[in-house]
Every structure is written in structure tokens, then in C-alpha cells.
N, C-alpha and C. Protein backbone atom coordinates (compact mmCIF):
# COMPACT_ATOMS: atom_id res chain seq x y z
N UNK A 1 3.88 -6.40 -29.99
CA UNK A 1 4.78 -7.17 -29.04
C UNK A 1 4.78 -8.45 -29.21
N UNK A 2 5.79 -9.71 -29.27
CA UNK A 2 6.03 -10.61 -29.86
C UNK A 2 6.30 -11.06 -27.81
N UNK A 3 6.41 -12.02 -27.22
CA UNK A 3 6.50 -12.79 -26.23
C UNK A 3 7.80 -12.87 -26.45
N UNK A 4 8.49 -12.80 -25.22
CA UNK A 4 9.64 -12.93 -24.86
C UNK A 4 10.93 -13.66 -24.40
N UNK A 5 9.30 -14.94 -24.01
CA UNK A 5 10.72 -16.36 -24.06
C UNK A 5 10.07 -16.65 -25.56
N UNK A 6 9.40 -17.29 -26.05
CA UNK A 6 9.30 -18.14 -27.48
C UNK A 6 9.22 -16.93 -28.73
N UNK A 7 8.99 -15.65 -28.60
CA UNK A 7 9.77 -14.95 -29.05
C UNK A 7 8.07 -15.32 -30.47
N UNK A 8 7.90 -16.06 -30.58
CA UNK A 8 7.00 -15.72 -31.99
C UNK A 8 5.73 -15.69 -31.91
N UNK A 9 4.74 -16.20 -30.44
CA UNK A 9 3.56 -15.73 -31.15
C UNK A 9 3.50 -14.07 -30.70
N UNK A 10 2.29 -13.68 -30.07
CA UNK A 10 1.70 -12.78 -30.17
C UNK A 10 1.50 -12.41 -28.41
N UNK A 11 1.98 -10.93 -28.16
CA UNK A 11 2.23 -11.51 -26.51
C UNK A 11 1.27 -10.77 -25.53
N UNK A 12 0.23 -11.82 -25.17
CA UNK A 12 -1.07 -11.52 -24.16
C UNK A 12 -1.69 -10.91 -23.02
N UNK A 13 -0.53 -11.12 -22.48
CA UNK A 13 0.06 -11.53 -21.12
C UNK A 13 0.43 -10.43 -20.13
N UNK A 14 0.62 -8.98 -19.83
CA UNK A 14 1.33 -7.98 -19.71
C UNK A 14 1.65 -7.98 -17.75
N UNK A 15 3.13 -8.23 -17.33
CA UNK A 15 2.83 -8.66 -16.14
C UNK A 15 3.56 -7.28 -16.20
N UNK A 16 3.49 -5.94 -14.73
CA UNK A 16 4.58 -5.07 -14.43
C UNK A 16 4.31 -5.42 -12.91
N UNK A 17 5.79 -5.32 -13.08
CA UNK A 17 6.04 -5.82 -11.30
C UNK A 17 7.05 -4.62 -10.81
N UNK A 18 7.08 -4.31 -9.09
CA UNK A 18 7.46 -2.89 -9.06
C UNK A 18 7.74 -3.65 -7.85
N UNK A 19 9.11 -3.81 -7.81
CA UNK A 19 9.64 -3.32 -5.85
C UNK A 19 10.94 -2.79 -5.56
N UNK A 20 10.22 -2.58 -4.63
CA UNK A 20 11.81 -1.21 -4.33
C UNK A 20 11.73 0.01 -5.32
N UNK A 21 10.73 -0.07 -6.27
CA UNK A 21 10.11 1.59 -6.94
C UNK A 21 11.21 0.52 -8.19
N UNK A 22 11.55 0.04 -8.19
CA UNK A 22 11.78 -0.66 -9.65
C UNK A 22 11.20 -0.97 -10.82
N UNK A 23 10.60 -0.77 -11.65
CA UNK A 23 9.23 -1.12 -12.32
C UNK A 23 10.35 -2.67 -13.63
N UNK A 24 9.73 -3.59 -13.43
CA UNK A 24 10.14 -4.80 -14.63
C UNK A 24 9.12 -5.36 -15.24
N UNK A 25 9.00 -4.83 -16.43
CA UNK A 25 7.65 -6.11 -16.65
C UNK A 25 7.88 -7.50 -18.31
N UNK A 26 6.88 -7.57 -18.23
CA UNK A 26 7.18 -8.87 -19.05
C UNK A 26 5.67 -9.16 -19.99
N UNK A 27 6.83 -9.78 -21.19
CA UNK A 27 5.03 -9.57 -21.91
C UNK A 27 5.66 -11.24 -22.65
N UNK A 28 4.64 -12.26 -21.82
CA UNK A 28 4.19 -13.05 -22.86
C UNK A 28 2.56 -13.50 -23.93
N UNK A 29 2.95 -14.78 -25.10
CA UNK A 29 2.20 -15.12 -25.00
C UNK A 29 1.05 -15.72 -23.75
N UNK A 30 -0.07 -16.27 -24.03
CA UNK A 30 -1.14 -17.63 -23.46
C UNK A 30 0.12 -18.73 -22.68
N UNK A 31 0.46 -18.96 -23.83
CA UNK A 31 0.68 -20.56 -23.37
C UNK A 31 1.92 -20.14 -23.05
N UNK A 32 3.03 -19.89 -22.78
CA UNK A 32 4.44 -19.35 -21.96
C UNK A 32 4.04 -18.81 -20.69
N UNK A 33 2.62 -18.00 -21.16
CA UNK A 33 2.15 -17.72 -19.24
C UNK A 33 1.39 -19.03 -18.60
N UNK A 34 0.60 -19.64 -19.17
CA UNK A 34 0.51 -20.34 -18.52
C UNK A 34 1.62 -21.61 -17.74
N UNK A 35 2.68 -22.25 -18.29
CA UNK A 35 3.53 -23.09 -18.28
C UNK A 35 4.26 -22.56 -17.37
N UNK A 36 4.78 -20.74 -17.09
CA UNK A 36 5.20 -19.85 -16.57
C UNK A 36 4.00 -20.53 -14.94
N UNK A 37 3.03 -20.12 -15.43
CA UNK A 37 1.73 -20.58 -14.15
C UNK A 37 2.04 -19.68 -13.43
N UNK A 38 1.84 -18.03 -14.29
CA UNK A 38 1.87 -16.84 -13.90
C UNK A 38 -0.48 -16.58 -13.71
N UNK A 39 -0.36 -17.07 -14.79
CA UNK A 39 -2.30 -17.03 -15.35
C UNK A 39 -3.09 -18.19 -16.01
N UNK A 40 -4.09 -18.18 -15.32
CA UNK A 40 -5.14 -18.83 -16.60
C UNK A 40 -5.68 -17.71 -17.19
N UNK A 41 -5.89 -17.93 -18.31
CA UNK A 41 -6.47 -16.34 -18.90
C UNK A 41 -7.92 -16.34 -18.42
N UNK A 42 -8.37 -17.63 -18.78
CA UNK A 42 -9.89 -17.75 -18.44
C UNK A 42 -10.20 -17.55 -17.33
N UNK A 43 -10.30 -17.64 -16.33
CA UNK A 43 -10.34 -17.34 -14.99
C UNK A 43 -9.52 -15.56 -14.08
N UNK A 44 -8.21 -15.64 -14.63
CA UNK A 44 -8.29 -14.20 -14.02
C UNK A 44 -9.02 -12.90 -14.22
N UNK A 45 -9.36 -12.94 -12.82
CA UNK A 45 -10.48 -11.61 -12.65
C UNK A 45 -9.96 -11.13 -11.48
N UNK A 46 -10.90 -9.82 -11.36
CA UNK A 46 -10.65 -8.68 -9.99
C UNK A 46 -10.39 -9.31 -8.44
N UNK A 47 -11.16 -10.95 -8.20
CA UNK A 47 -10.54 -11.83 -6.97
C UNK A 47 -9.62 -12.00 -7.12
N UNK A 48 -9.10 -12.35 -8.55
CA UNK A 48 -7.99 -13.21 -8.15
C UNK A 48 -6.66 -12.47 -8.01
N UNK A 49 -6.76 -10.77 -8.72
CA UNK A 49 -5.90 -9.22 -7.98
C UNK A 49 -6.15 -9.29 -6.95
N UNK A 50 -7.43 -9.17 -6.33
CA UNK A 50 -7.27 -8.81 -4.67
C UNK A 50 -6.99 -9.56 -3.85
N UNK A 51 -6.24 -11.48 -4.40
CA UNK A 51 -6.18 -11.65 -3.91
C UNK A 51 -4.04 -12.27 -3.88
N UNK A 52 -3.89 -11.84 -5.06
CA UNK A 52 -2.31 -11.23 -4.96
C UNK A 52 -2.09 -10.45 -4.23
N UNK A 53 -2.93 -8.99 -4.49
CA UNK A 53 -2.02 -7.96 -3.47
C UNK A 53 -2.75 -7.99 -1.74
N UNK A 54 -2.78 -9.14 -1.96
CA UNK A 54 -3.52 -9.67 -0.33
C UNK A 54 -1.95 -9.79 0.42
N UNK A 55 -2.01 -10.98 -1.36
CA UNK A 55 -0.82 -11.74 -0.50
C UNK A 55 0.69 -11.14 -0.22
N UNK A 56 0.74 -9.73 -0.87
CA UNK A 56 1.54 -9.19 -1.13
C UNK A 56 2.50 -8.57 -0.10
N UNK A 57 2.31 -9.03 1.48
CA UNK A 57 2.22 -8.27 2.16
C UNK A 57 1.63 -7.28 3.21
N UNK A 58 0.22 -7.26 2.64
CA UNK A 58 -1.05 -6.94 3.72
C UNK A 58 -0.63 -7.50 5.27
N UNK A 59 -0.26 -7.13 6.32
CA UNK A 59 -0.28 -8.30 7.75
C UNK A 59 -1.70 -7.83 8.15
N UNK A 60 -2.05 -8.77 8.81
CA UNK A 60 -3.16 -9.31 9.18
C UNK A 60 -2.74 -8.99 11.46
N UNK A 61 -3.51 -8.16 11.72
CA UNK A 61 -3.02 -7.62 13.34
C UNK A 61 -3.55 -8.74 14.23
N UNK A 62 -3.45 -8.92 15.14
CA UNK A 62 -3.38 -9.98 16.14
C UNK A 62 -5.18 -9.20 16.98
N UNK A 63 -5.84 -8.53 16.84
CA UNK A 63 -7.42 -8.79 16.49
C UNK A 63 -8.03 -9.20 15.63
N UNK A 64 -7.23 -8.94 14.49
CA UNK A 64 -7.77 -9.58 13.25
C UNK A 64 -7.68 -10.87 13.60
N UNK A 65 -6.57 -11.39 13.74
CA UNK A 65 -6.20 -12.91 14.01
C UNK A 65 -7.50 -13.20 14.57
N UNK A 66 -7.49 -13.05 16.07
CA UNK A 66 -8.59 -13.83 17.11
C UNK A 66 -9.68 -13.35 16.64
N UNK A 67 -10.16 -12.55 15.61
CA UNK A 67 -11.75 -11.96 15.13
C UNK A 67 -12.35 -13.60 14.09
N UNK A 68 -12.93 -14.56 14.48
CA UNK A 68 -13.39 -15.65 14.41
C UNK A 68 -14.20 -15.27 13.19
N UNK A 69 -15.21 -14.75 12.69
CA UNK A 69 -15.75 -14.62 11.70
C UNK A 69 -16.68 -13.63 11.54
N UNK A 70 -17.23 -13.65 11.00
CA UNK A 70 -17.66 -11.82 10.50
C UNK A 70 -19.62 -12.75 11.09
N UNK A 71 -19.71 -11.16 11.73
CA UNK A 71 -21.13 -12.02 11.89
C UNK A 71 -22.68 -12.15 11.05
N UNK A 72 -22.98 -10.96 10.42
CA UNK A 72 -23.44 -11.10 9.22
C UNK A 72 -23.29 -12.87 8.65
N UNK A 73 -22.49 -13.12 7.98
CA UNK A 73 -22.54 -14.55 7.27
C UNK A 73 -21.38 -15.99 7.93
N UNK A 74 -20.72 -15.07 8.74
CA UNK A 74 -19.66 -16.34 9.10
C UNK A 74 -18.21 -16.38 8.24
N UNK A 75 -18.40 -15.59 7.84
CA UNK A 75 -16.81 -16.13 6.33
C UNK A 75 -15.54 -14.82 7.54
N UNK A 76 -14.93 -15.47 7.35
CA UNK A 76 -13.48 -15.19 7.91
C UNK A 76 -12.17 -14.29 7.09
N UNK A 77 -11.54 -13.49 7.38
CA UNK A 77 -10.42 -13.07 6.58
C UNK A 77 -9.75 -13.71 5.93
N UNK A 78 -9.39 -15.39 6.24
CA UNK A 78 -8.59 -16.61 5.88
C UNK A 78 -9.80 -16.91 4.68
N UNK A 79 -10.61 -16.82 4.70
CA UNK A 79 -11.70 -17.01 3.63
C UNK A 79 -11.45 -15.48 2.55
N UNK A 80 -11.68 -14.79 2.79
CA UNK A 80 -11.77 -13.56 2.58
C UNK A 80 -10.07 -13.65 1.07
N UNK A 81 -9.05 -14.06 1.34
CA UNK A 81 -7.90 -14.23 1.20
C UNK A 81 -8.32 -14.96 0.01
N UNK A 82 -8.22 -15.92 0.41
CA UNK A 82 -8.45 -17.44 -0.38
C UNK A 82 -9.19 -16.95 -1.71
N UNK A 83 -10.23 -16.40 -1.50
CA UNK A 83 -11.74 -16.30 -2.57
C UNK A 83 -11.53 -14.61 -3.11
N UNK A 84 -11.22 -13.24 -2.24
CA UNK A 84 -10.93 -12.59 -3.34
C UNK A 84 -12.53 -11.33 -2.44
N UNK A 85 -13.32 -12.10 -2.44
CA UNK A 85 -14.20 -11.75 -2.21
C UNK A 85 -15.07 -11.92 -1.29
N UNK A 86 -16.20 -10.76 -0.57
CA UNK A 86 -17.01 -11.22 0.81
C UNK A 86 -18.08 -11.72 1.26
N UNK A 87 -18.35 -12.25 2.32
CA UNK A 87 -19.95 -12.58 2.00
C UNK A 87 -21.15 -12.12 2.25
N UNK A 88 -20.23 -10.21 2.66
CA UNK A 88 -22.21 -9.99 2.49
C UNK A 88 -20.93 -8.70 2.89
N UNK A 89 -22.43 -7.44 3.66
CA UNK A 89 -21.91 -6.09 3.20
C UNK A 89 -21.06 -5.89 4.53
N UNK A 90 -22.02 -6.92 5.55
CA UNK A 90 -20.89 -6.69 7.49
C UNK A 90 -20.04 -6.50 7.26
N UNK A 91 -18.92 -7.54 6.27
CA UNK A 91 -17.88 -8.29 6.08
C UNK A 91 -16.87 -6.81 6.28
N UNK A 92 -17.46 -6.06 5.18
CA UNK A 92 -16.73 -5.02 4.80
C UNK A 92 -16.33 -3.64 5.93
N UNK A 93 -16.98 -4.06 7.26
CA UNK A 93 -17.11 -3.28 8.85
C UNK A 93 -16.27 -4.21 9.67
N UNK A 94 -17.10 -5.72 9.03
CA UNK A 94 -16.24 -6.74 10.58
C UNK A 94 -14.67 -7.25 9.77
N UNK A 95 -14.62 -6.20 8.44
CA UNK A 95 -12.28 -6.25 8.02
C UNK A 95 -12.04 -5.12 7.41
N UNK A 96 -12.78 -4.00 9.17
CA UNK A 96 -12.11 -2.75 7.95
C UNK A 96 -10.72 -2.48 8.19
N UNK A 97 -10.63 -2.44 9.24
CA UNK A 97 -9.11 -2.04 9.58
C UNK A 97 -7.76 -3.49 8.62
N UNK A 98 -7.95 -4.74 8.82
CA UNK A 98 -7.37 -4.94 7.60
C UNK A 98 -7.27 -5.36 6.33
N UNK A 99 -8.70 -4.23 6.04
CA UNK A 99 -8.75 -4.27 4.11
C UNK A 99 -7.83 -2.32 3.78
N UNK A 100 -7.93 -1.21 5.10
CA UNK A 100 -7.34 -0.18 4.14
C UNK A 100 -6.52 -0.66 4.06
N UNK A 101 -4.99 -0.94 4.65
CA UNK A 101 -4.52 -1.30 3.32
C UNK A 101 -4.30 -1.77 2.29
N UNK A 102 -5.03 -2.43 1.82
CA UNK A 102 -5.42 -2.97 0.48
C UNK A 102 -5.54 -2.23 -0.34
N UNK A 103 -7.05 -0.94 0.35
CA UNK A 103 -7.33 -0.08 0.00
C UNK A 103 -6.90 0.67 -1.02
N UNK A 104 -5.72 1.49 -0.25
CA UNK A 104 -4.89 2.03 -0.18
C UNK A 104 -3.77 1.56 -1.14
N UNK A 105 -3.27 0.75 -1.68
CA UNK A 105 -2.36 -0.05 -1.88
C UNK A 105 -3.53 -0.60 -3.54
N UNK A 106 -4.31 0.04 -3.67
CA UNK A 106 -4.49 -0.60 -4.68
C UNK A 106 -5.34 0.84 -5.15
N UNK A 107 -6.07 1.17 -4.49
CA UNK A 107 -6.57 2.78 -5.22
C UNK A 107 -5.25 4.28 -4.69
N UNK A 108 -4.10 4.40 -4.07
CA UNK A 108 -3.91 5.38 -3.51
C UNK A 108 -4.78 6.39 -2.30
N UNK A 109 -5.75 6.00 -1.61
CA UNK A 109 -5.85 6.56 -0.62
C UNK A 109 -7.17 5.06 -0.72
N UNK A 110 -7.63 6.11 0.37
CA UNK A 110 -9.35 4.12 1.54
C UNK A 110 -10.23 5.61 0.71
N UNK A 111 -10.38 6.96 0.51
CA UNK A 111 -11.05 7.71 0.30
C UNK A 111 -11.70 8.15 -0.95
N UNK A 112 -13.19 7.69 -1.22
CA UNK A 112 -14.00 7.72 -2.80
C UNK A 112 -13.95 9.57 -2.73
N UNK A 113 -13.14 10.27 -4.49
CA UNK A 113 -13.88 11.16 -4.41
C UNK A 113 -14.82 11.75 -4.96
N UNK A 114 -14.97 10.07 -6.77
CA UNK A 114 -15.30 10.45 -7.30
C UNK A 114 -15.99 11.68 -8.09
N UNK A 115 -16.38 11.83 -9.50
CA UNK A 115 -16.30 12.99 -10.14
C UNK A 115 -17.74 14.25 -9.05
N UNK A 116 -17.32 15.14 -10.49
CA UNK A 116 -17.98 16.71 -9.89
C UNK A 116 -18.46 17.10 -11.36
N UNK A 117 -19.79 18.21 -10.66
CA UNK A 117 -19.93 19.40 -12.02
C UNK A 117 -18.79 20.03 -12.44
N UNK A 118 -18.49 20.83 -13.36
CA UNK A 118 -17.64 20.78 -13.91
C UNK A 118 -17.36 22.38 -13.13
N UNK A 119 -18.48 22.92 -13.02
CA UNK A 119 -19.12 24.51 -12.54
C UNK A 119 -18.48 24.86 -10.92
N UNK A 120 -18.36 23.20 -9.92
CA UNK A 120 -17.91 23.28 -9.10
C UNK A 120 -17.00 22.13 -8.18
N UNK A 121 -16.25 21.39 -9.69
CA UNK A 121 -14.60 20.97 -9.64
C UNK A 121 -14.10 21.71 -9.13
N UNK A 122 -13.30 22.47 -9.68
CA UNK A 122 -12.80 23.49 -9.65
C UNK A 122 -12.68 23.37 -7.52
N UNK A 123 -13.89 23.93 -6.72
CA UNK A 123 -13.83 24.29 -5.69
C UNK A 123 -13.93 22.49 -5.06
N UNK A 124 -14.31 21.36 -5.49
CA UNK A 124 -13.98 20.44 -5.03
C UNK A 124 -13.18 20.01 -4.97
N UNK A 125 -12.59 20.24 -5.75
CA UNK A 125 -10.88 19.76 -6.06
C UNK A 125 -9.80 19.49 -5.34
N UNK A 126 -9.85 21.22 -4.87
CA UNK A 126 -9.35 21.48 -3.58
C UNK A 126 -9.77 21.20 -2.49
N UNK A 127 -10.74 21.34 -2.08
CA UNK A 127 -11.20 20.82 -0.95
C UNK A 127 -10.50 18.29 -0.78
N UNK A 128 -10.57 17.84 -2.34
CA UNK A 128 -10.31 16.68 -2.18
C UNK A 128 -8.36 17.16 -1.68
N UNK A 129 -7.96 18.01 -2.56
CA UNK A 129 -6.41 17.54 -2.44
C UNK A 129 -6.36 17.99 -0.19
N UNK A 130 -7.03 19.14 0.09
CA UNK A 130 -7.56 19.57 1.65
C UNK A 130 -7.14 17.98 2.54
N UNK A 131 -7.93 17.30 1.75
CA UNK A 131 -8.64 15.95 2.64
C UNK A 131 -7.05 14.65 2.33
N UNK A 132 -6.55 15.03 1.14
CA UNK A 132 -5.78 14.40 0.95
C UNK A 132 -4.99 14.10 1.85
N UNK A 133 -4.12 16.11 1.66
CA UNK A 133 -3.10 16.06 2.33
C UNK A 133 -3.12 15.51 3.54
N UNK A 134 -4.35 16.11 4.57
CA UNK A 134 -4.60 15.78 5.93
C UNK A 134 -4.64 14.14 6.35
N UNK A 135 -5.43 13.28 5.50
CA UNK A 135 -4.68 12.41 5.51
C UNK A 135 -3.03 11.85 5.45
N UNK A 136 -2.66 12.59 4.62
CA UNK A 136 -1.33 12.13 4.66
C UNK A 136 -0.17 12.16 6.26
N UNK A 137 -0.81 13.24 7.03
CA UNK A 137 -0.27 14.08 7.34
C UNK A 137 -0.65 12.80 8.81
N UNK A 138 -1.63 12.77 8.64
CA UNK A 138 -1.74 12.23 10.17
C UNK A 138 -1.03 10.15 10.13
N UNK A 139 -1.40 10.28 8.38
CA UNK A 139 -0.04 9.42 8.70
C UNK A 139 1.22 9.80 9.33
N UNK A 140 1.65 10.69 8.44
CA UNK A 140 3.22 11.47 8.67
C UNK A 140 3.56 11.27 10.05
N UNK A 141 2.30 11.83 11.12
CA UNK A 141 3.23 11.90 12.27
C UNK A 141 2.02 10.06 13.06
N UNK A 142 2.36 9.90 12.96
CA UNK A 142 1.66 8.20 12.96
C UNK A 142 2.89 7.79 13.88
N UNK A 143 3.94 8.27 12.22
CA UNK A 143 5.46 7.51 11.81
C UNK A 143 6.04 8.43 12.34
N UNK A 144 5.78 9.52 13.48
CA UNK A 144 6.54 9.69 14.32
C UNK A 144 8.11 10.87 12.86
N UNK A 145 7.34 11.24 11.83
CA UNK A 145 8.35 11.65 10.66
C UNK A 145 7.50 13.35 10.51
N UNK A 146 8.26 13.88 12.07
CA UNK A 146 7.05 15.65 12.51
C UNK A 146 8.44 16.21 10.93
N UNK A 147 9.23 16.52 10.92
CA UNK A 147 9.45 17.39 9.78
C UNK A 147 8.66 16.95 8.21
N UNK A 148 8.09 16.75 8.14
CA UNK A 148 7.08 15.98 6.59
C UNK A 148 6.52 17.00 7.33
N UNK A 149 6.11 16.45 8.23
CA UNK A 149 4.54 16.39 9.31
C UNK A 149 4.42 18.17 9.18
N UNK A 150 5.58 18.94 9.30
CA UNK A 150 5.38 20.31 8.99
C UNK A 150 4.71 20.51 8.14
N UNK A 151 5.86 19.73 7.14
CA UNK A 151 5.66 20.75 5.01
C UNK A 151 4.45 20.62 5.46
N UNK A 152 3.38 18.92 5.08
CA UNK A 152 1.75 19.15 5.11
C UNK A 152 1.05 20.05 5.85
N UNK A 153 1.50 20.50 7.10
CA UNK A 153 1.15 21.51 7.96
C UNK A 153 0.59 22.67 7.48
N UNK A 154 1.83 23.36 6.25
CA UNK A 154 1.56 24.58 6.51
C UNK A 154 1.04 24.13 4.45
N UNK A 155 1.43 23.46 3.65
CA UNK A 155 0.72 23.22 2.70
C UNK A 155 -0.95 23.35 2.79
N UNK A 156 -0.97 23.05 3.86
CA UNK A 156 -3.13 23.14 3.72
C UNK A 156 -2.68 24.25 4.77
N UNK A 157 -2.10 24.73 5.32
CA UNK A 157 -2.65 26.50 5.71
C UNK A 157 -2.96 27.12 4.30
N UNK A 158 -1.38 26.89 3.90
CA UNK A 158 -1.30 28.08 2.78
C UNK A 158 -2.68 27.24 1.79
N UNK A 159 -2.97 25.73 1.69
CA UNK A 159 -3.68 25.80 0.55
C UNK A 159 -5.92 26.11 1.01
N UNK A 160 -5.76 26.50 2.35
CA UNK A 160 -6.86 27.08 3.18
C UNK A 160 -6.79 28.83 2.88
N UNK A 161 -5.77 29.07 3.11
CA UNK A 161 -5.77 30.81 3.40
C UNK A 161 -6.18 30.98 1.44
N UNK A 162 -6.09 30.23 0.59
CA UNK A 162 -6.25 30.58 -1.13
C UNK A 162 -7.21 30.09 -1.41
N UNK A 163 -8.22 29.02 -0.93
CA UNK A 163 -9.38 29.14 -0.93
C UNK A 163 -10.17 29.84 0.04
N UNK A 164 -9.55 31.00 0.74
CA UNK A 164 -10.45 31.98 1.90
C UNK A 164 -10.02 32.65 0.64
N UNK A 165 -9.38 32.92 0.19
CA UNK A 165 -9.66 34.87 -1.08
C UNK A 165 -10.05 34.48 -2.41
N UNK A 166 -10.05 32.75 -3.00
CA UNK A 166 -11.03 32.66 -3.36
C UNK A 166 -12.57 33.30 -3.86
N UNK A 167 -12.73 32.73 -2.55
CA UNK A 167 -14.06 32.81 -2.12
C UNK A 167 -14.57 34.29 -1.73
N UNK A 168 -13.71 35.08 -1.20
CA UNK A 168 -13.99 36.28 -1.02
C UNK A 168 -13.55 37.59 -2.55
N UNK A 169 -12.86 36.69 -3.58
CA UNK A 169 -12.86 36.86 -4.37
C UNK A 169 -14.13 36.78 -5.09
N UNK A 170 -14.93 35.77 -4.99
CA UNK A 170 -16.40 35.43 -6.21
C UNK A 170 -17.85 36.56 -5.06
N UNK A 171 -17.44 36.21 -4.53
CA UNK A 171 -18.92 37.73 -3.67
C UNK A 171 -18.23 38.76 -3.79
N UNK A 172 -17.14 39.35 -4.41
CA UNK A 172 -17.11 40.80 -4.58
C UNK A 172 -17.59 40.81 -5.80
């Protein structure tokens, strides 16, 4: 694929932007990307990604604004926003509240489920699905979207009933 600006060199920088559900993709060569100030290909890393995501609308609440620094290392959330890195393990707990929306934006969830052995993966997948729906239920209740909450509650009940029936079948 060729660069969309110069049309001469191979595109090595691919940027996807999603705004209000509309996806826009830009494919640029390294030189054009540098000219546009989009990326320095040598130094772009996960810290830069995190920093960019933080700036995309992660709001820091009043409590976090007044929280001066991590008691373990002295780092502030403002420092984290600049570098994309925490200073110590205690920072994760200290800045937990403003960090959760960032993690949810990156991973789609704030819970890690990992991989599981094939023998029990079906049961764990069901449990994981119930937990994810329960989390979404809590969010919509907090937003007072009660019609959606009823649908999610019913889906949880249906999954739990199916899980009980499967357990009964396995035991007989």
C-alpha cells in the first residue's frame, strides 16, 4: 500500500481513528507521518499510546485533582499523563479511579479473564460472560437506563438457569 500523501513510498504508519462511531483510516510513509507530526517512528511505544488515550477524554475527578501524589513514590497523576508510566506498584491503587476508564477504553473491560484449559473453558466462559453482563448491568443502573438494565438482568437469569441445567446434566 502506498502513502496517501506522497503516493510514492510504502505506507508504514497506519492510523485508525474512530469518532462518533465513524472509522477513518490513514496510511502514510514514515517521512509524511513525521512531517504531519503524527509519530516519531523510533520512539513510539506503549507509553505514548497510553498518554494519547488519556488525553482523549479521560476526565480526572475532583478527588484525583486534590490527590497530590502517590505515597509510595511521590508521582502525580499529571506525571503519569505525561509519561504513560507509573513510578511504583502503589500508583495503581492510588490512581485506581481515574485509571479504570482508561483500562476499559483500551481493553473493553476492567477485568482480566486470561486463558483457561480446554476442559473447563466452556464453564469459565459462561461465568465470565455472566460477570461481564453483571458489570454492564451495574453501569446502566448507575446511568439510570432501567429498560436496558431489565434486559441485562433477564439475560443473566437465563445464563444462570442454563448453567444450572448443564450442571445437572453433567452430574447424571
